[in-house]
Amino acid sequence: MLACVQRVQRATVRTHDPQRSASIGRGLMVLVCAVGDDEPRDMVWMANKLAGLRIFPDDAGRMNQPMGPDDAMLVVSQFTLAGDCRKGFRPSFVRAADPEVGRSHLEALIKQLREAHGVNVQTGWFGASMEVELVNDGPVTIWIDSRA
């Protein structure tokens, strides 16, 4: 499982249907991609890593604190994280999980974050064309691979 994590002051995701939007204040914007060889342990590992990331400033201003009780996480599926651009100019997405598997893995990750870690998780919509807007805080952007 792959994730691109950004510490944000706020973030919003919406579809072209104005009824479908989700927002958070301070917290983490997480773009997630399930890959074909993910196993259940990858979702558990990723949830533990995301919930425990110490990338918020402590009293001395150093990145040393995890999310606080008022922070939230906006999780959005993004299969393009698996894009391989090593050959040619058109990315290959063969590493990304099939849509049915990707949806199942994303749901398992979100469930783990909510139930095992008590994280306030807002989400995008799997497979939908979405607009994501955020204010990156820092900026802080971290790349996480459950198999690296």
C-alpha atoms as a PDB file:
ATOM      1  CA  MET A   1       0.000   0.000   0.000  1.00  0.00           C
ATOM      2  CA  LEU A   2       1.249   3.453  -0.906  1.00  0.00           C
ATOM      3  CA  ALA A   3       0.405   6.771   0.707  1.00  0.00           C
ATOM      4  CA  CYS A   4       1.319  10.388   0.131  1.00  0.00           C
ATOM      5  CA  VAL A   5       0.708  12.251   3.397  1.00  0.00           C
ATOM      6  CA  GLN A   6       0.499  16.014   3.714  1.00  0.00           C
ATOM      7  CA  ARG A   7       0.170  17.921   6.957  1.00  0.00           C
ATOM      8  CA  VAL A   8      -2.562  20.469   6.310  1.00  0.00           C
ATOM      9  CA  GLN A   9      -4.217  23.455   7.902  1.00  0.00           C
ATOM     10  CA  ARG A  10      -7.365  22.436   6.013  1.00  0.00           C
ATOM     11  CA  ALA A  11      -8.402  20.242   3.092  1.00  0.00           C
ATOM     12  CA  THR A  12     -11.514  19.594   1.033  1.00  0.00           C
ATOM     13  CA  VAL A  13     -12.468  16.989  -1.551  1.00  0.00           C
ATOM     14  CA  ARG A  14     -15.512  17.262  -3.776  1.00  0.00           C
ATOM     15  CA  THR A  15     -17.015  15.711  -6.861  1.00  0.00           C
ATOM     16  CA  HIS A  16     -18.772  17.676  -9.562  1.00  0.00           C
ATOM     17  CA  ASP A  17     -22.002  16.940  -7.678  1.00  0.00           C
ATOM     18  CA  PRO A  18     -22.181  19.731  -5.062  1.00  0.00           C
ATOM     19  CA  GLN A  19     -23.862  17.337  -2.624  1.00  0.00           C
ATOM     20  CA  ARG A  20     -20.674  15.267  -2.398  1.00  0.00           C
ATOM     21  CA  SER A  21     -17.925  16.982  -0.458  1.00  0.00           C
ATOM     22  CA  ALA A  22     -15.862  16.333   2.652  1.00  0.00           C
ATOM     23  CA  SER A  23     -13.603  18.692   4.595  1.00  0.00           C
ATOM     24  CA  ILE A  24     -11.219  18.749   7.521  1.00  0.00           C
ATOM     25  CA  GLY A  25      -9.429  21.443   9.464  1.00  0.00           C
ATOM     26  CA  ARG A  26      -5.946  20.785  10.820  1.00  0.00           C
ATOM     27  CA  GLY A  27      -4.736  17.254  10.213  1.00  0.00           C
ATOM     28  CA  LEU A  28      -3.499  14.967   7.474  1.00  0.00           C
ATOM     29  CA  MET A  29      -4.452  14.774   3.809  1.00  0.00           C
ATOM     30  CA  VAL A  30      -3.716  11.187   2.757  1.00  0.00           C
ATOM     31  CA  LEU A  31      -3.699  10.019  -0.851  1.00  0.00           C
ATOM     32  CA  VAL A  32      -3.793   6.199  -0.857  1.00  0.00           C
ATOM     33  CA  CYS A  33      -3.124   3.533  -3.479  1.00  0.00           C
ATOM     34  CA  ALA A  34      -3.630  -0.187  -2.971  1.00  0.00           C
ATOM     35  CA  VAL A  35      -1.178  -2.290  -4.929  1.00  0.00           C
ATOM     36  CA  GLY A  36      -1.749  -5.739  -6.368  1.00  0.00           C
ATOM     37  CA  ASP A  37       0.275  -7.690  -3.831  1.00  0.00           C
ATOM     38  CA  ASP A  38      -1.149  -6.002  -0.706  1.00  0.00           C
ATOM     39  CA  GLU A  39      -2.166  -8.303   2.118  1.00  0.00           C
ATOM     40  CA  PRO A  40      -4.345  -7.546   5.177  1.00  0.00           C
ATOM     41  CA  ARG A  41      -1.205  -6.814   7.179  1.00  0.00           C
ATOM     42  CA  ASP A  42      -0.440  -3.902   4.828  1.00  0.00           C
ATOM     43  CA  MET A  43      -3.662  -2.107   5.773  1.00  0.00           C
ATOM     44  CA  VAL A  44      -3.013  -2.658   9.495  1.00  0.00           C
ATOM     45  CA  TRP A  45       0.592  -1.506   9.125  1.00  0.00           C
ATOM     46  CA  MET A  46      -0.439   1.598   7.164  1.00  0.00           C
ATOM     47  CA  ALA A  47      -3.170   2.516   9.665  1.00  0.00           C
ATOM     48  CA  ASN A  48      -0.697   2.186  12.547  1.00  0.00           C
ATOM     49  CA  LYS A  49       1.859   4.309  10.701  1.00  0.00           C
ATOM     50  CA  LEU A  50      -0.617   7.040   9.712  1.00  0.00           C
ATOM     51  CA  ALA A  51      -2.210   7.267  13.160  1.00  0.00           C
ATOM     52  CA  GLY A  52       1.176   7.444  14.886  1.00  0.00           C
ATOM     53  CA  LEU A  53       3.091   9.763  12.543  1.00  0.00           C
ATOM     54  CA  ARG A  54       4.860  12.386  14.627  1.00  0.00           C
ATOM     55  CA  ILE A  55       4.898  15.226  12.118  1.00  0.00           C
ATOM     56  CA  PHE A  56       3.166  17.962  14.117  1.00  0.00           C
ATOM     57  CA  PRO A  57       5.276  20.530  15.966  1.00  0.00           C
ATOM     58  CA  ASP A  58       5.994  20.233  19.656  1.00  0.00           C
ATOM     59  CA  ASP A  59       6.507  23.234  21.964  1.00  0.00           C
ATOM     60  CA  ALA A  60      10.014  23.674  20.564  1.00  0.00           C
ATOM     61  CA  GLY A  61       8.720  23.716  16.986  1.00  0.00           C
ATOM     62  CA  ARG A  62      10.194  20.338  16.053  1.00  0.00           C
ATOM     63  CA  MET A  63       8.133  17.667  14.286  1.00  0.00           C
ATOM     64  CA  ASN A  64       7.647  15.423  17.277  1.00  0.00           C
ATOM     65  CA  GLN A  65       3.885  15.152  17.945  1.00  0.00           C
ATOM     66  CA  PRO A  66       1.200  12.854  16.504  1.00  0.00           C
ATOM     67  CA  MET A  67      -2.252  14.071  15.527  1.00  0.00           C
ATOM     68  CA  GLY A  68      -4.182  15.581  18.410  1.00  0.00           C
ATOM     69  CA  PRO A  69      -7.754  14.766  19.463  1.00  0.00           C
ATOM     70  CA  ASP A  70      -9.125  17.713  17.451  1.00  0.00           C
ATOM     71  CA  ASP A  71      -7.192  16.792  14.284  1.00  0.00           C
ATOM     72  CA  ALA A  72      -8.679  14.805  11.420  1.00  0.00           C
ATOM     73  CA  MET A  73      -7.610  12.828   8.388  1.00  0.00           C
ATOM     74  CA  LEU A  74      -8.931  13.172   4.847  1.00  0.00           C
ATOM     75  CA  VAL A  75      -8.308   9.895   2.982  1.00  0.00           C
ATOM     76  CA  VAL A  76      -8.645   9.890  -0.802  1.00  0.00           C
ATOM     77  CA  SER A  77      -8.047   6.969  -3.143  1.00  0.00           C
ATOM     78  CA  GLN A  78      -5.501   7.738  -5.862  1.00  0.00           C
ATOM     79  CA  PHE A  79      -4.381   4.816  -8.027  1.00  0.00           C
ATOM     80  CA  THR A  80      -1.971   7.082  -9.902  1.00  0.00           C
ATOM     81  CA  LEU A  81       0.458   6.862  -6.963  1.00  0.00           C
ATOM     82  CA  ALA A  82       1.429   3.499  -8.467  1.00  0.00           C
ATOM     83  CA  GLY A  83       2.395   5.152 -11.764  1.00  0.00           C
ATOM     84  CA  ASP A  84       5.726   3.930 -13.101  1.00  0.00           C
ATOM     85  CA  CYS A  85       7.423   6.477 -15.363  1.00  0.00           C
ATOM     86  CA  ARG A  86      10.774   4.760 -15.795  1.00  0.00           C
ATOM     87  CA  LYS A  87      10.128   3.850 -19.445  1.00  0.00           C
ATOM     88  CA  GLY A  88       8.698   6.241 -21.993  1.00  0.00           C
ATOM     89  CA  PHE A  89       6.445   9.169 -21.193  1.00  0.00           C
ATOM     90  CA  ARG A  90       3.134   7.455 -20.453  1.00  0.00           C
ATOM     91  CA  PRO A  91       2.963   6.104 -16.884  1.00  0.00           C
ATOM     92  CA  SER A  92       2.208   2.434 -16.384  1.00  0.00           C
ATOM     93  CA  PHE A  93      -0.275   1.604 -13.642  1.00  0.00           C
ATOM     94  CA  VAL A  94       0.116  -2.197 -13.640  1.00  0.00           C
ATOM     95  CA  ARG A  95       1.261  -2.141  -9.998  1.00  0.00           C
ATOM     96  CA  ALA A  96      -2.072  -0.673  -8.812  1.00  0.00           C
ATOM     97  CA  ALA A  97      -4.625  -3.162  -7.479  1.00  0.00           C
ATOM     98  CA  ASP A  98      -7.715  -3.987  -9.533  1.00  0.00           C
ATOM     99  CA  PRO A  99     -10.608  -1.637  -8.671  1.00  0.00           C
ATOM    100  CA  GLU A 100     -12.571  -4.198  -6.622  1.00  0.00           C
ATOM    101  CA  VAL A 101      -9.491  -5.079  -4.586  1.00  0.00           C
ATOM    102  CA  GLY A 102      -8.472  -1.428  -4.269  1.00  0.00           C
ATOM    103  CA  ARG A 103     -11.889  -0.454  -2.924  1.00  0.00           C
ATOM    104  CA  SER A 104     -11.845  -3.309  -0.410  1.00  0.00           C
ATOM    105  CA  HIS A 105      -8.339  -2.413   0.793  1.00  0.00           C
ATOM    106  CA  LEU A 106      -9.200   1.271   1.111  1.00  0.00           C
ATOM    107  CA  GLU A 107     -12.309   0.433   3.149  1.00  0.00           C
ATOM    108  CA  ALA A 108     -10.231  -1.848   5.392  1.00  0.00           C
ATOM    109  CA  LEU A 109      -7.695   0.943   5.978  1.00  0.00           C
ATOM    110  CA  ILE A 110     -10.403   3.463   6.844  1.00  0.00           C
ATOM    111  CA  LYS A 111     -12.103   0.996   9.195  1.00  0.00           C
ATOM    112  CA  GLN A 112      -8.783   0.305  10.928  1.00  0.00           C
ATOM    113  CA  LEU A 113      -8.089   4.033  11.358  1.00  0.00           C
ATOM    114  CA  ARG A 114     -11.536   4.697  12.816  1.00  0.00           C
ATOM    115  CA  GLU A 115     -12.001   1.622  14.994  1.00  0.00           C
ATOM    116  CA  ALA A 116      -8.499   0.731  16.153  1.00  0.00           C
ATOM    117  CA  HIS A 117      -7.133   4.274  16.441  1.00  0.00           C
ATOM    118  CA  GLY A 118     -10.200   6.481  16.929  1.00  0.00           C
ATOM    119  CA  VAL A 119      -9.204   8.806  14.101  1.00  0.00           C
ATOM    120  CA  ASN A 120     -11.798  11.226  12.719  1.00  0.00           C
ATOM    121  CA  VAL A 121     -11.614  10.157   9.055  1.00  0.00           C
ATOM    122  CA  GLN A 122     -13.324  11.922   6.195  1.00  0.00           C
ATOM    123  CA  THR A 123     -13.124  10.373   2.738  1.00  0.00           C
ATOM    124  CA  GLY A 124     -13.346  10.936  -0.955  1.00  0.00           C
ATOM    125  CA  TRP A 125     -15.301   8.612  -3.270  1.00  0.00           C
ATOM    126  CA  PHE A 126     -13.568   5.600  -4.757  1.00  0.00           C
ATOM    127  CA  GLY A 127     -13.369   5.799  -8.545  1.00  0.00           C
ATOM    128  CA  ALA A 128     -14.931   9.258  -8.770  1.00  0.00           C
ATOM    129  CA  SER A 129     -13.399  12.244 -10.490  1.00  0.00           C
ATOM    130  CA  MET A 130     -12.640  14.578  -7.605  1.00  0.00           C
ATOM    131  CA  GLU A 131     -11.219  18.003  -6.892  1.00  0.00           C
ATOM    132  CA  VAL A 132      -8.897  18.218  -3.914  1.00  0.00           C
ATOM    133  CA  GLU A 133      -8.054  21.526  -2.327  1.00  0.00           C
ATOM    134  CA  LEU A 134      -5.679  21.930   0.594  1.00  0.00           C
ATOM    135  CA  VAL A 135      -3.431  24.270   2.465  1.00  0.00           C
ATOM    136  CA  ASN A 136      -0.209  22.387   3.111  1.00  0.00           C
ATOM    137  CA  ASP A 137       1.214  23.224   6.543  1.00  0.00           C
ATOM    138  CA  GLY A 138       4.990  23.511   6.521  1.00  0.00           C
ATOM    139  CA  PRO A 139       4.981  22.313   3.805  1.00  0.00           C
ATOM    140  CA  VAL A 140       5.247  18.760   5.106  1.00  0.00           C
ATOM    141  CA  THR A 141       4.799  15.914   2.628  1.00  0.00           C
ATOM    142  CA  ILE A 142       5.755  12.309   3.408  1.00  0.00           C
ATOM    143  CA  TRP A 143       5.782   9.282   1.084  1.00  0.00           C
ATOM    144  CA  ILE A 144       4.974   5.922   2.740  1.00  0.00           C
ATOM    145  CA  ASP A 145       5.246   2.439   1.212  1.00  0.00           C
ATOM    146  CA  SER A 146       4.099  -0.468   3.401  1.00  0.00           C
ATOM    147  CA  ARG A 147       6.660  -2.726   1.705  1.00  0.00           C
ATOM    148  CA  ALA A 148       9.705  -0.464   1.721  1.00  0.00           C
END
